[in-house]
């Protein structure tokens, strides 16, 4: 049984304590996409630190049709905000990488490379703003996404602290409702904002199926279980820091 009142209170206390130990007086810097994860993260941080210590960053890649969701969330919480449009950087870097591949005889840039470029540039922008504004960057990933590797390595998969990493999609939604976020945000179909598809279209299964499997171990049909297990195994490396050679100097 998910006790949303207790879990929300515990997360708020955890964020407050983390900042007390790792950044007294620092600001929480959050990339605001207009989706539930970044919105709930921002709401939790505002409750823990006060809205004056939360900075929302919108990072469209050119024109973002649904950026009004982000703007409305920022207004709803009363937090500071900045907009960094990554289009020029994205276009230039994509062109340079593509040209280097062609010159090196490696062929064309892959679709996945181009897709992942944007979240990596966004994280660069977040850390740039954070460093200039006495900030700590929030990771906004949830357990469901992390379970199947639905994040970009060194893009949205990283941050300085992660309030939602142990919570499933449906648990995050419950917290959003409990914190009074507008229905149009918590009910918005989750999308990566990169491919024009919903998360569930990209994954091949629903979050309801995935969340039930994570919490109960039950997954039907068997083909969905096999797909989830395969994605989980293939992406476990994203959940750990890079391995280091365990060198130990020999004693003289």
Protein backbone atom coordinates (compact mmCIF):
# COMPACT_ATOMS: atom_id res chain seq x y z
CA UNK A 1 0.00 0.00 0.00
CA UNK A 2 1.46 3.32 -1.07
CA UNK A 3 1.06 5.93 1.68
CA UNK A 4 1.32 9.11 -0.36
CA UNK A 5 1.15 11.43 2.64
CA UNK A 6 4.02 9.73 4.46
CA UNK A 7 6.19 9.26 1.37
CA UNK A 8 5.74 12.89 0.31
CA UNK A 9 6.63 14.10 3.80
CA UNK A 10 9.68 11.82 3.86
CA UNK A 11 10.91 13.03 0.45
CA UNK A 12 10.56 16.67 1.45
CA UNK A 13 12.50 15.99 4.65
CA UNK A 14 15.15 14.08 2.68
CA UNK A 15 15.66 16.94 0.21
CA UNK A 16 15.88 19.45 3.06
CA UNK A 17 18.48 17.32 4.87
CA UNK A 18 20.47 16.66 1.69
CA UNK A 19 20.83 20.39 1.07
CA UNK A 20 21.72 21.02 4.71
CA UNK A 21 24.63 18.61 4.32
CA UNK A 22 25.63 19.21 0.70
CA UNK A 23 24.73 22.81 -0.06
CA UNK A 24 23.45 24.99 2.78
CA UNK A 25 21.82 28.01 1.18
CA UNK A 26 22.19 26.59 -2.34
CA UNK A 27 19.43 26.56 -4.93
CA UNK A 28 17.78 23.55 -6.54
CA UNK A 29 18.19 23.77 -10.33
CA UNK A 30 15.69 21.73 -12.34
CA UNK A 31 15.19 21.26 -16.06
CA UNK A 32 11.47 21.86 -16.55
CA UNK A 33 10.03 19.86 -19.44
CA UNK A 34 6.35 20.31 -18.62
CA UNK A 35 6.00 16.63 -17.75
CA UNK A 36 5.10 15.11 -14.40
CA UNK A 37 8.60 14.10 -13.29
CA UNK A 38 10.24 17.51 -13.51
CA UNK A 39 7.05 19.14 -12.21
CA UNK A 40 6.83 16.89 -9.15
CA UNK A 41 10.56 17.32 -8.50
CA UNK A 42 10.15 21.09 -8.61
CA UNK A 43 7.12 20.94 -6.32
CA UNK A 44 8.98 18.77 -3.80
CA UNK A 45 11.99 21.11 -3.82
CA UNK A 46 9.76 24.16 -3.41
CA UNK A 47 8.09 22.53 -0.40
CA UNK A 48 11.46 21.55 1.08
CA UNK A 49 13.47 24.71 0.43
CA UNK A 50 10.92 27.40 -0.37
CA UNK A 51 10.11 28.53 -3.94
CA UNK A 52 12.73 31.28 -3.71
CA UNK A 53 15.46 28.61 -3.72
CA UNK A 54 14.15 26.69 -6.74
CA UNK A 55 15.21 27.58 -10.29
CA UNK A 56 13.36 26.11 -13.25
CA UNK A 57 15.16 25.97 -16.58
CA UNK A 58 13.30 25.58 -19.86
CA UNK A 59 15.48 24.29 -22.69
CA UNK A 60 13.61 24.07 -26.00
CA UNK A 61 15.38 22.82 -29.10
CA UNK A 62 14.07 25.54 -31.38
CA UNK A 63 10.28 25.70 -31.17
CA UNK A 64 8.65 23.59 -28.45
CA UNK A 65 4.89 23.37 -29.04
CA UNK A 66 4.02 22.39 -25.46
CA UNK A 67 6.34 24.79 -23.62
CA UNK A 68 3.24 26.43 -22.12
CA UNK A 69 3.03 23.45 -19.74
CA UNK A 70 6.44 24.40 -18.35
CA UNK A 71 5.53 28.08 -18.15
CA UNK A 72 2.30 27.33 -16.30
CA UNK A 73 4.08 25.00 -13.85
CA UNK A 74 6.66 27.68 -13.07
CA UNK A 75 3.90 30.23 -12.50
CA UNK A 76 1.93 27.76 -10.36
CA UNK A 77 4.89 27.13 -8.04
CA UNK A 78 6.11 30.73 -8.02
CA UNK A 79 9.72 29.78 -8.77
CA UNK A 80 12.39 31.64 -10.72
CA UNK A 81 13.01 30.54 -14.28
CA UNK A 82 15.38 30.85 -17.22
CA UNK A 83 15.11 29.79 -20.84
CA UNK A 84 18.10 28.40 -22.71
CA UNK A 85 17.36 27.48 -26.32
CA UNK A 86 19.77 24.72 -27.34
CA UNK A 87 18.96 24.73 -31.07
CA UNK A 88 22.09 26.50 -32.35
CA UNK A 89 24.39 24.40 -30.18
CA UNK A 90 22.49 21.24 -31.15
CA UNK A 91 22.61 21.99 -34.87
CA UNK A 92 26.30 22.92 -34.83
CA UNK A 93 27.40 19.94 -32.76
CA UNK A 94 25.29 17.50 -34.79
CA UNK A 95 26.79 18.89 -38.00
CA UNK A 96 30.34 18.65 -36.67
CA UNK A 97 29.89 15.06 -35.46
CA UNK A 98 28.23 14.03 -38.71
CA UNK A 99 31.02 15.64 -40.74
CA UNK A 100 33.70 13.96 -38.65
CA UNK A 101 32.09 10.56 -39.18
CA UNK A 102 31.93 11.06 -42.94
CA UNK A 103 35.51 12.31 -43.11
CA UNK A 104 36.63 9.31 -41.08
CA UNK A 105 34.86 6.86 -43.34
CA UNK A 106 32.45 5.75 -40.61
CA UNK A 107 29.25 6.62 -42.47
CA UNK A 108 26.33 8.75 -41.35
CA UNK A 109 25.47 9.84 -37.84
CA UNK A 110 23.00 7.41 -36.28
CA UNK A 111 19.46 8.41 -35.40
CA UNK A 112 20.01 7.49 -31.74
CA UNK A 113 23.11 9.68 -31.61
CA UNK A 114 21.13 12.66 -32.84
CA UNK A 115 18.28 11.93 -30.41
CA UNK A 116 20.59 11.69 -27.40
CA UNK A 117 22.53 14.84 -28.27
CA UNK A 118 19.73 17.10 -27.01
CA UNK A 119 19.46 15.76 -23.43
CA UNK A 120 23.25 15.81 -23.09
CA UNK A 121 23.35 19.45 -24.18
CA UNK A 122 20.52 20.23 -21.79
CA UNK A 123 22.46 18.78 -18.89
CA UNK A 124 25.47 20.89 -19.89
CA UNK A 125 23.23 23.97 -19.81
CA UNK A 126 21.81 22.99 -16.41
CA UNK A 127 25.25 22.62 -14.86
CA UNK A 128 26.40 25.89 -16.41
CA UNK A 129 23.49 27.78 -14.86
CA UNK A 130 23.81 25.89 -11.60
CA UNK A 131 27.49 26.73 -11.22
CA UNK A 132 26.78 30.39 -11.87
CA UNK A 133 23.86 30.55 -9.42
CA UNK A 134 25.06 28.60 -6.38
CA UNK A 135 22.98 25.62 -7.37
CA UNK A 136 22.63 21.87 -7.15
CA UNK A 137 21.15 20.04 -10.15
CA UNK A 138 18.14 17.79 -9.59
CA UNK A 139 17.86 14.48 -11.38
CA UNK A 140 14.20 13.93 -12.29
CA UNK A 141 14.19 10.27 -13.37
CA UNK A 142 11.81 7.81 -11.75
CA UNK A 143 12.23 4.10 -10.96
CA UNK A 144 10.13 2.92 -13.91
CA UNK A 145 12.27 4.78 -16.45
CA UNK A 146 15.51 3.73 -14.78
CA UNK A 147 14.37 0.10 -14.64
CA UNK A 148 14.32 -0.18 -18.42
CA UNK A 149 17.04 2.36 -19.19
CA UNK A 150 14.68 5.00 -20.52
CA UNK A 151 17.10 7.87 -20.07
CA UNK A 152 20.19 9.23 -21.79
CA UNK A 153 23.53 8.31 -20.27
CA UNK A 154 25.14 11.55 -19.00
CA UNK A 155 22.03 13.44 -20.10
CA UNK A 156 18.83 13.27 -18.04
CA UNK A 157 20.22 10.24 -16.19
CA UNK A 158 22.50 12.35 -13.98
CA UNK A 159 22.31 15.11 -11.38
CA UNK A 160 23.44 15.92 -7.86
CA UNK A 161 20.42 14.49 -6.03
CA UNK A 162 17.46 12.38 -7.11
CA UNK A 163 14.16 12.64 -5.19
CA UNK A 164 12.10 10.30 -7.40
CA UNK A 165 14.57 7.55 -8.32
CA UNK A 166 12.92 4.92 -6.08
CA UNK A 167 9.34 5.72 -7.10
CA UNK A 168 7.33 4.28 -9.99
CA UNK A 169 5.48 6.42 -12.51
CA UNK A 170 2.14 5.91 -10.79
CA UNK A 171 3.60 6.74 -7.38
CA UNK A 172 5.05 9.98 -8.79
CA UNK A 173 1.61 10.84 -10.16
CA UNK A 174 0.05 10.30 -6.71
CA UNK A 175 2.62 12.63 -5.14
CA UNK A 176 1.90 15.25 -7.80
CA UNK A 177 -1.82 15.12 -7.01
CA UNK A 178 -1.12 15.26 -3.27
CA UNK A 179 1.04 18.37 -3.76
CA UNK A 180 -1.75 20.06 -5.67
CA UNK A 181 -0.26 20.11 -9.15
CA UNK A 182 -2.73 20.81 -11.96
CA UNK A 183 -4.39 17.75 -13.52
CA UNK A 184 -3.24 18.76 -17.00
CA UNK A 185 0.36 18.24 -15.85
CA UNK A 186 0.09 15.01 -13.88
CA UNK A 187 -2.25 13.48 -16.49
CA UNK A 188 -0.16 14.53 -19.49
CA UNK A 189 0.87 11.44 -21.51
CA UNK A 190 4.59 10.96 -20.82
CA UNK A 191 6.76 11.74 -23.83
CA UNK A 192 10.51 12.08 -24.35
CA UNK A 193 10.00 15.35 -26.22
CA UNK A 194 12.51 14.14 -28.81
CA UNK A 195 10.89 11.61 -31.14
CA UNK A 196 7.28 12.80 -31.24
CA UNK A 197 6.17 9.53 -29.62
CA UNK A 198 4.88 8.79 -26.14
CA UNK A 199 7.10 6.84 -23.75
CA UNK A 200 4.80 3.84 -24.00
CA UNK A 201 4.97 3.90 -27.82
CA UNK A 202 8.76 3.86 -27.63
CA UNK A 203 8.97 1.19 -24.93
CA UNK A 204 6.45 -1.29 -26.30
CA UNK A 205 4.50 -1.66 -23.05
CA UNK A 206 2.50 0.51 -20.69
CA UNK A 207 3.74 2.00 -17.44
CA UNK A 208 0.85 0.24 -15.73
CA UNK A 209 2.30 -3.10 -16.83
CA UNK A 210 5.84 -2.08 -15.89
CA UNK A 211 4.93 -0.63 -12.48
CA UNK A 212 2.90 -3.70 -11.52
CA UNK A 213 5.84 -5.93 -12.49
CA UNK A 214 8.30 -3.84 -10.46
CA UNK A 215 6.15 -3.84 -7.32
CA UNK A 216 4.56 -7.31 -7.49
CA UNK A 217 6.71 -9.42 -9.82
CA UNK A 218 3.61 -10.16 -11.91
CA UNK A 219 3.74 -9.45 -15.63
CA UNK A 220 1.42 -10.67 -18.37
CA UNK A 221 1.64 -11.59 -21.15
CA UNK A 222 4.97 -13.41 -21.07
CA UNK A 223 6.18 -11.51 -24.14
CA UNK A 224 5.96 -8.21 -22.21
CA UNK A 225 7.88 -9.70 -19.29
CA UNK A 226 10.59 -10.89 -21.66
CA UNK A 227 10.84 -7.44 -23.26
CA UNK A 228 11.03 -5.65 -19.88
CA UNK A 229 13.64 -8.11 -18.57
CA UNK A 230 15.75 -7.67 -21.69
CA UNK A 231 15.69 -3.89 -21.41
CA UNK A 232 16.47 -4.06 -17.69
CA UNK A 233 19.52 -6.30 -18.19
CA UNK A 234 20.81 -4.26 -21.12
CA UNK A 235 20.63 -0.98 -19.24
CA UNK A 236 21.83 -1.85 -15.73
CA UNK A 237 25.14 -0.12 -16.50
CA UNK A 238 23.31 3.23 -16.58
CA UNK A 239 22.49 2.92 -12.89
CA UNK A 240 26.07 2.80 -11.67
CA UNK A 241 29.08 5.02 -11.95
CA UNK A 242 31.76 3.99 -14.42
CA UNK A 243 33.85 1.04 -13.16
CA UNK A 244 37.45 1.70 -12.23
CA UNK A 245 40.36 -0.71 -12.40
CA UNK A 246 40.89 -1.88 -8.80
CA UNK A 247 44.62 -1.19 -8.59
CA UNK A 248 46.29 -1.63 -5.23
CA UNK A 249 49.99 -0.71 -4.95
CA UNK A 250 52.20 -3.50 -3.72
CA UNK A 251 53.80 -3.00 -0.34
CA UNK A 252 57.57 -2.39 -0.36
